[in-house]
Amino acid sequence: MEILRIEDFLRTENPNPKERYRLDLVTSEQRAEKLSGFLAVLPAGREVPYHFHENRESLIIVISGEAVEICEGKEHPIKAGDVIYIPAAEKHGLINRSARDVRYLEFFTPVREDFIEVS
């Protein structure tokens, strides 16, 4: 069993505060075979490119800040406390238009990476 504490992730330092940061949380080191997860820190003015995953389903838990999730071309404001489910093959991206970092936890399955950027 692994216990993940949100207060720990609110204090996690971004080693390069002007760039996106990702800290793996659920990996094969925890014996995870079908699920993976990470903490992401998206600084002010940065974005996650518009993309999709052929097979991956994601659950995103926003733990601080606010941003805009773009799904299938439509903008959705998100903020701390929101939980977002993104099915496989749905195009999405994240834009932080605020003046402070947005932090979120993302859990997904299957583990295989299949990030496909959309132009």
N, C-alpha and C. Protein backbone atom coordinates (compact mmCIF):
# COMPACT_ATOMS: atom_id res chain seq x y z
N MET A 1 0.85 -1.18 0.00
CA MET A 1 0.00 0.00 0.00
C MET A 1 0.89 1.24 0.00
N GLU A 2 0.39 2.25 -0.63
CA GLU A 2 1.10 3.54 -0.70
C GLU A 2 0.11 4.63 -0.30
N ILE A 3 0.50 5.50 0.61
CA ILE A 3 -0.34 6.64 0.99
C ILE A 3 0.29 7.90 0.42
N LEU A 4 -0.48 8.62 -0.39
CA LEU A 4 -0.02 9.86 -1.00
C LEU A 4 -0.72 11.01 -0.28
N ARG A 5 0.05 11.96 0.19
CA ARG A 5 -0.51 13.08 0.97
C ARG A 5 -0.42 14.38 0.16
N ILE A 6 -1.57 14.97 -0.09
CA ILE A 6 -1.63 16.18 -0.89
C ILE A 6 -0.77 17.29 -0.29
N GLU A 7 -0.74 17.41 1.03
CA GLU A 7 0.07 18.48 1.63
C GLU A 7 1.54 18.36 1.26
N ASP A 8 2.03 17.13 1.04
CA ASP A 8 3.41 16.95 0.60
C ASP A 8 3.60 17.52 -0.81
N PHE A 9 2.63 17.33 -1.66
CA PHE A 9 2.74 17.78 -3.04
C PHE A 9 2.58 19.29 -3.17
N LEU A 10 1.91 19.90 -2.21
CA LEU A 10 1.79 21.36 -2.21
C LEU A 10 3.12 22.02 -1.86
N ARG A 11 4.00 21.28 -1.17
CA ARG A 11 5.31 21.79 -0.78
C ARG A 11 6.44 21.37 -1.71
N THR A 12 6.16 20.47 -2.64
CA THR A 12 7.20 19.97 -3.54
C THR A 12 7.79 21.11 -4.36
N GLU A 13 9.11 21.21 -4.36
CA GLU A 13 9.80 22.26 -5.11
C GLU A 13 9.88 21.91 -6.60
N ASN A 14 9.63 22.88 -7.43
CA ASN A 14 9.84 22.74 -8.87
C ASN A 14 11.30 23.13 -9.12
N PRO A 15 12.15 22.19 -9.57
CA PRO A 15 13.57 22.50 -9.76
C PRO A 15 13.84 23.59 -10.80
N ASN A 16 12.92 23.79 -11.73
CA ASN A 16 13.05 24.86 -12.71
C ASN A 16 11.72 25.59 -12.76
N PRO A 17 11.52 26.60 -11.91
CA PRO A 17 10.21 27.24 -11.75
C PRO A 17 9.58 27.86 -12.99
N LYS A 18 10.33 27.99 -14.08
CA LYS A 18 9.76 28.56 -15.30
C LYS A 18 9.29 27.48 -16.28
N GLU A 19 9.54 26.22 -15.96
CA GLU A 19 9.18 25.11 -16.84
C GLU A 19 8.21 24.16 -16.16
N ARG A 20 7.50 23.39 -16.97
CA ARG A 20 6.62 22.35 -16.44
C ARG A 20 7.47 21.34 -15.67
N TYR A 21 6.89 20.80 -14.60
CA TYR A 21 7.59 19.81 -13.79
C TYR A 21 6.67 18.62 -13.58
N ARG A 22 7.25 17.44 -13.63
CA ARG A 22 6.50 16.21 -13.44
C ARG A 22 7.29 15.30 -12.52
N LEU A 23 6.65 14.84 -11.46
CA LEU A 23 7.26 13.92 -10.49
C LEU A 23 6.45 12.64 -10.49
N ASP A 24 7.06 11.55 -10.92
CA ASP A 24 6.37 10.26 -10.94
C ASP A 24 6.04 9.81 -9.52
N LEU A 25 4.82 9.33 -9.32
CA LEU A 25 4.35 8.92 -7.99
C LEU A 25 4.01 7.44 -7.92
N VAL A 26 3.33 6.95 -8.94
CA VAL A 26 2.92 5.55 -8.97
C VAL A 26 3.63 4.91 -10.16
N THR A 27 4.58 4.03 -9.85
CA THR A 27 5.42 3.41 -10.87
C THR A 27 5.63 1.93 -10.55
N SER A 28 6.44 1.30 -11.35
CA SER A 28 6.76 -0.10 -11.09
C SER A 28 7.49 -0.27 -9.76
N GLU A 29 8.12 0.78 -9.26
CA GLU A 29 8.78 0.70 -7.95
C GLU A 29 7.78 0.40 -6.83
N GLN A 30 6.53 0.82 -7.01
CA GLN A 30 5.47 0.50 -6.05
C GLN A 30 4.72 -0.76 -6.47
N ARG A 31 5.27 -1.49 -7.44
CA ARG A 31 4.68 -2.71 -7.99
C ARG A 31 3.42 -2.43 -8.81
N ALA A 32 3.27 -1.19 -9.28
CA ALA A 32 2.12 -0.86 -10.13
C ALA A 32 2.34 -1.45 -11.51
N GLU A 33 1.37 -2.19 -12.00
CA GLU A 33 1.46 -2.81 -13.31
C GLU A 33 0.48 -2.22 -14.31
N LYS A 34 -0.67 -1.76 -13.83
CA LYS A 34 -1.73 -1.30 -14.74
C LYS A 34 -2.12 0.16 -14.51
N LEU A 35 -1.48 0.81 -13.56
CA LEU A 35 -1.81 2.19 -13.23
C LEU A 35 -0.52 2.96 -13.04
N SER A 36 -0.53 4.22 -13.44
CA SER A 36 0.61 5.09 -13.21
C SER A 36 0.07 6.45 -12.75
N GLY A 37 0.93 7.26 -12.15
CA GLY A 37 0.48 8.57 -11.71
C GLY A 37 1.65 9.49 -11.45
N PHE A 38 1.37 10.78 -11.51
CA PHE A 38 2.42 11.77 -11.26
C PHE A 38 1.83 13.05 -10.70
N LEU A 39 2.69 13.85 -10.08
CA LEU A 39 2.40 15.22 -9.69
C LEU A 39 2.89 16.10 -10.83
N ALA A 40 2.10 17.08 -11.22
CA ALA A 40 2.53 18.04 -12.24
C ALA A 40 2.42 19.44 -11.67
N VAL A 41 3.42 20.26 -11.99
CA VAL A 41 3.40 21.68 -11.64
C VAL A 41 3.51 22.44 -12.96
N LEU A 42 2.49 23.25 -13.24
CA LEU A 42 2.45 24.04 -14.46
C LEU A 42 2.55 25.52 -14.07
N PRO A 43 3.71 26.15 -14.31
CA PRO A 43 3.89 27.54 -13.93
C PRO A 43 2.97 28.49 -14.68
N ALA A 44 2.83 29.68 -14.14
CA ALA A 44 2.03 30.74 -14.77
C ALA A 44 2.51 30.95 -16.20
N GLY A 45 1.53 31.08 -17.12
CA GLY A 45 1.85 31.36 -18.51
C GLY A 45 2.29 30.16 -19.33
N ARG A 46 2.35 28.98 -18.74
CA ARG A 46 2.81 27.78 -19.46
C ARG A 46 1.60 26.91 -19.84
N GLU A 47 1.83 25.92 -20.69
CA GLU A 47 0.74 25.05 -21.10
C GLU A 47 1.23 23.64 -21.38
N VAL A 48 0.30 22.71 -21.34
CA VAL A 48 0.52 21.34 -21.80
C VAL A 48 -0.06 21.32 -23.21
N PRO A 49 0.74 20.94 -24.21
CA PRO A 49 0.25 21.00 -25.60
C PRO A 49 -1.03 20.20 -25.81
N TYR A 50 -1.81 20.65 -26.75
CA TYR A 50 -3.04 19.96 -27.14
C TYR A 50 -2.63 18.60 -27.71
N HIS A 51 -3.22 17.53 -27.20
CA HIS A 51 -2.79 16.19 -27.56
C HIS A 51 -3.90 15.18 -27.25
N PHE A 52 -3.61 13.92 -27.51
CA PHE A 52 -4.50 12.85 -27.10
C PHE A 52 -3.69 11.59 -26.87
N HIS A 53 -4.32 10.60 -26.29
CA HIS A 53 -3.73 9.29 -26.05
C HIS A 53 -4.67 8.26 -26.65
N GLU A 54 -4.16 7.40 -27.48
CA GLU A 54 -5.02 6.41 -28.15
C GLU A 54 -5.71 5.48 -27.17
N ASN A 55 -5.01 5.07 -26.13
CA ASN A 55 -5.53 4.05 -25.22
C ASN A 55 -5.64 4.48 -23.76
N ARG A 56 -5.08 5.58 -23.42
CA ARG A 56 -4.95 5.97 -22.02
C ARG A 56 -6.18 6.74 -21.52
N GLU A 57 -6.69 6.33 -20.38
CA GLU A 57 -7.72 7.07 -19.65
C GLU A 57 -7.03 7.77 -18.49
N SER A 58 -7.42 9.01 -18.20
CA SER A 58 -6.77 9.78 -17.15
C SER A 58 -7.78 10.34 -16.16
N LEU A 59 -7.35 10.43 -14.93
CA LEU A 59 -8.09 11.11 -13.88
C LEU A 59 -7.16 12.17 -13.31
N ILE A 60 -7.58 13.43 -13.39
CA ILE A 60 -6.76 14.55 -12.94
C ILE A 60 -7.43 15.18 -11.73
N ILE A 61 -6.64 15.39 -10.68
CA ILE A 61 -7.13 16.01 -9.45
C ILE A 61 -6.35 17.31 -9.26
N VAL A 62 -7.02 18.44 -9.38
CA VAL A 62 -6.36 19.74 -9.24
C VAL A 62 -6.22 20.02 -7.74
N ILE A 63 -4.97 20.24 -7.29
CA ILE A 63 -4.75 20.44 -5.85
C ILE A 63 -4.42 21.89 -5.48
N SER A 64 -4.04 22.72 -6.47
CA SER A 64 -3.87 24.15 -6.19
C SER A 64 -3.88 24.92 -7.50
N GLY A 65 -4.30 26.17 -7.40
CA GLY A 65 -4.30 27.05 -8.56
C GLY A 65 -5.53 26.89 -9.43
N GLU A 66 -5.45 27.52 -10.60
CA GLU A 66 -6.54 27.45 -11.57
C GLU A 66 -5.95 27.53 -12.97
N ALA A 67 -6.67 26.96 -13.92
CA ALA A 67 -6.20 26.92 -15.31
C ALA A 67 -7.41 26.69 -16.22
N VAL A 68 -7.13 26.44 -17.48
CA VAL A 68 -8.17 26.13 -18.45
C VAL A 68 -7.81 24.80 -19.10
N GLU A 69 -8.70 23.84 -18.97
CA GLU A 69 -8.55 22.55 -19.66
C GLU A 69 -9.30 22.67 -20.98
N ILE A 70 -8.63 22.36 -22.07
CA ILE A 70 -9.28 22.39 -23.37
C ILE A 70 -9.52 20.95 -23.79
N CYS A 71 -10.79 20.60 -23.98
CA CYS A 71 -11.17 19.24 -24.39
C CYS A 71 -11.99 19.34 -25.67
N GLU A 72 -11.50 18.67 -26.68
CA GLU A 72 -12.17 18.66 -27.98
C GLU A 72 -12.50 20.08 -28.44
N GLY A 73 -11.56 21.01 -28.22
CA GLY A 73 -11.69 22.38 -28.69
C GLY A 73 -12.49 23.32 -27.80
N LYS A 74 -13.08 22.80 -26.71
CA LYS A 74 -13.89 23.63 -25.83
C LYS A 74 -13.13 23.91 -24.53
N GLU A 75 -13.15 25.17 -24.08
CA GLU A 75 -12.46 25.56 -22.85
C GLU A 75 -13.31 25.31 -21.62
N HIS A 76 -12.65 24.77 -20.58
CA HIS A 76 -13.30 24.49 -19.30
C HIS A 76 -12.42 25.03 -18.19
N PRO A 77 -12.86 26.08 -17.47
CA PRO A 77 -12.08 26.56 -16.33
C PRO A 77 -12.01 25.47 -15.25
N ILE A 78 -10.82 25.30 -14.67
CA ILE A 78 -10.65 24.33 -13.59
C ILE A 78 -9.92 25.00 -12.45
N LYS A 79 -10.12 24.45 -11.24
CA LYS A 79 -9.48 25.04 -10.05
C LYS A 79 -9.26 23.95 -9.01
N ALA A 80 -8.54 24.32 -7.96
CA ALA A 80 -8.27 23.38 -6.87
C ALA A 80 -9.57 22.75 -6.39
N GLY A 81 -9.53 21.43 -6.22
CA GLY A 81 -10.70 20.68 -5.79
C GLY A 81 -11.44 20.00 -6.92
N ASP A 82 -11.17 20.40 -8.16
CA ASP A 82 -11.84 19.78 -9.31
C ASP A 82 -11.17 18.45 -9.64
N VAL A 83 -11.99 17.51 -10.09
CA VAL A 83 -11.52 16.21 -10.57
C VAL A 83 -12.01 16.05 -12.00
N ILE A 84 -11.10 15.73 -12.90
CA ILE A 84 -11.40 15.67 -14.32
C ILE A 84 -11.12 14.26 -14.84
N TYR A 85 -12.07 13.69 -15.53
CA TYR A 85 -11.87 12.40 -16.19
C TYR A 85 -11.72 12.65 -17.69
N ILE A 86 -10.67 12.09 -18.28
CA ILE A 86 -10.45 12.23 -19.72
C ILE A 86 -10.38 10.83 -20.33
N PRO A 87 -11.37 10.48 -21.16
CA PRO A 87 -11.36 9.15 -21.79
C PRO A 87 -10.28 9.05 -22.88
N ALA A 88 -9.96 7.83 -23.24
CA ALA A 88 -9.00 7.59 -24.32
C ALA A 88 -9.48 8.27 -25.60
N ALA A 89 -8.53 8.78 -26.37
CA ALA A 89 -8.74 9.39 -27.69
C ALA A 89 -9.36 10.78 -27.65
N GLU A 90 -9.66 11.32 -26.46
CA GLU A 90 -10.21 12.68 -26.38
C GLU A 90 -9.05 13.68 -26.42
N LYS A 91 -9.12 14.61 -27.37
CA LYS A 91 -8.08 15.63 -27.49
C LYS A 91 -8.21 16.62 -26.33
N HIS A 92 -7.05 16.96 -25.74
CA HIS A 92 -7.07 17.85 -24.59
C HIS A 92 -5.72 18.53 -24.41
N GLY A 93 -5.72 19.60 -23.64
CA GLY A 93 -4.52 20.34 -23.28
C GLY A 93 -4.85 21.22 -22.09
N LEU A 94 -3.84 21.82 -21.52
CA LEU A 94 -4.03 22.63 -20.31
C LEU A 94 -3.27 23.93 -20.46
N ILE A 95 -3.91 25.04 -20.15
CA ILE A 95 -3.28 26.36 -20.24
C ILE A 95 -3.41 27.05 -18.88
N ASN A 96 -2.28 27.50 -18.36
CA ASN A 96 -2.29 28.26 -17.11
C ASN A 96 -2.20 29.74 -17.46
N ARG A 97 -3.33 30.41 -17.47
CA ARG A 97 -3.38 31.85 -17.76
C ARG A 97 -3.31 32.68 -16.48
N SER A 98 -3.20 32.04 -15.35
CA SER A 98 -3.18 32.76 -14.07
C SER A 98 -1.75 33.25 -13.76
N ALA A 99 -1.62 33.92 -12.63
CA ALA A 99 -0.32 34.48 -12.23
C ALA A 99 0.44 33.54 -11.29
N ARG A 100 -0.10 32.34 -11.02
CA ARG A 100 0.60 31.41 -10.12
C ARG A 100 0.53 29.98 -10.65
N ASP A 101 1.35 29.13 -10.07
CA ASP A 101 1.39 27.73 -10.48
C ASP A 101 0.04 27.06 -10.31
N VAL A 102 -0.21 26.07 -11.17
CA VAL A 102 -1.31 25.14 -10.95
C VAL A 102 -0.64 23.78 -10.71
N ARG A 103 -1.14 23.07 -9.72
CA ARG A 103 -0.61 21.74 -9.39
C ARG A 103 -1.73 20.73 -9.48
N TYR A 104 -1.39 19.58 -10.05
CA TYR A 104 -2.40 18.54 -10.15
C TYR A 104 -1.75 17.16 -10.07
N LEU A 105 -2.56 16.21 -9.66
CA LEU A 105 -2.17 14.80 -9.67
C LEU A 105 -2.89 14.18 -10.86
N GLU A 106 -2.17 13.37 -11.61
CA GLU A 106 -2.80 12.66 -12.72
C GLU A 106 -2.51 11.18 -12.57
N PHE A 107 -3.58 10.39 -12.65
CA PHE A 107 -3.47 8.94 -12.61
C PHE A 107 -4.04 8.40 -13.91
N PHE A 108 -3.38 7.40 -14.47
CA PHE A 108 -3.82 6.91 -15.77
C PHE A 108 -3.53 5.43 -15.96
N THR A 109 -4.29 4.89 -16.88
CA THR A 109 -4.12 3.51 -17.29
C THR A 109 -4.45 3.41 -18.77
N PRO A 110 -3.81 2.61 -19.57
CA PRO A 110 -2.68 1.76 -19.21
C PRO A 110 -1.41 2.58 -19.03
N VAL A 111 -0.40 1.93 -18.49
CA VAL A 111 0.86 2.58 -18.15
C VAL A 111 1.61 3.05 -19.40
N ARG A 112 1.50 2.34 -20.50
CA ARG A 112 2.24 2.67 -21.71
C ARG A 112 1.99 4.11 -22.15
N GLU A 113 3.06 4.82 -22.42
CA GLU A 113 2.96 6.23 -22.85
C GLU A 113 2.54 6.29 -24.32
N ASP A 114 1.53 7.09 -24.62
CA ASP A 114 1.10 7.25 -26.01
C ASP A 114 0.64 8.69 -26.25
N PHE A 115 1.51 9.64 -25.95
CA PHE A 115 1.24 11.07 -26.10
C PHE A 115 1.33 11.44 -27.57
N ILE A 116 0.23 11.92 -28.15
CA ILE A 116 0.20 12.29 -29.57
C ILE A 116 -0.23 13.75 -29.66
N GLU A 117 0.74 14.63 -29.98
CA GLU A 117 0.45 16.06 -30.04
C GLU A 117 -0.38 16.39 -31.28
N VAL A 118 -1.31 17.33 -31.12
CA VAL A 118 -2.18 17.76 -32.20
C VAL A 118 -1.80 19.20 -32.55
N SER A 119 -1.61 19.46 -33.85
CA SER A 119 -1.23 20.82 -34.24
C SER A 119 -2.43 21.62 -34.67
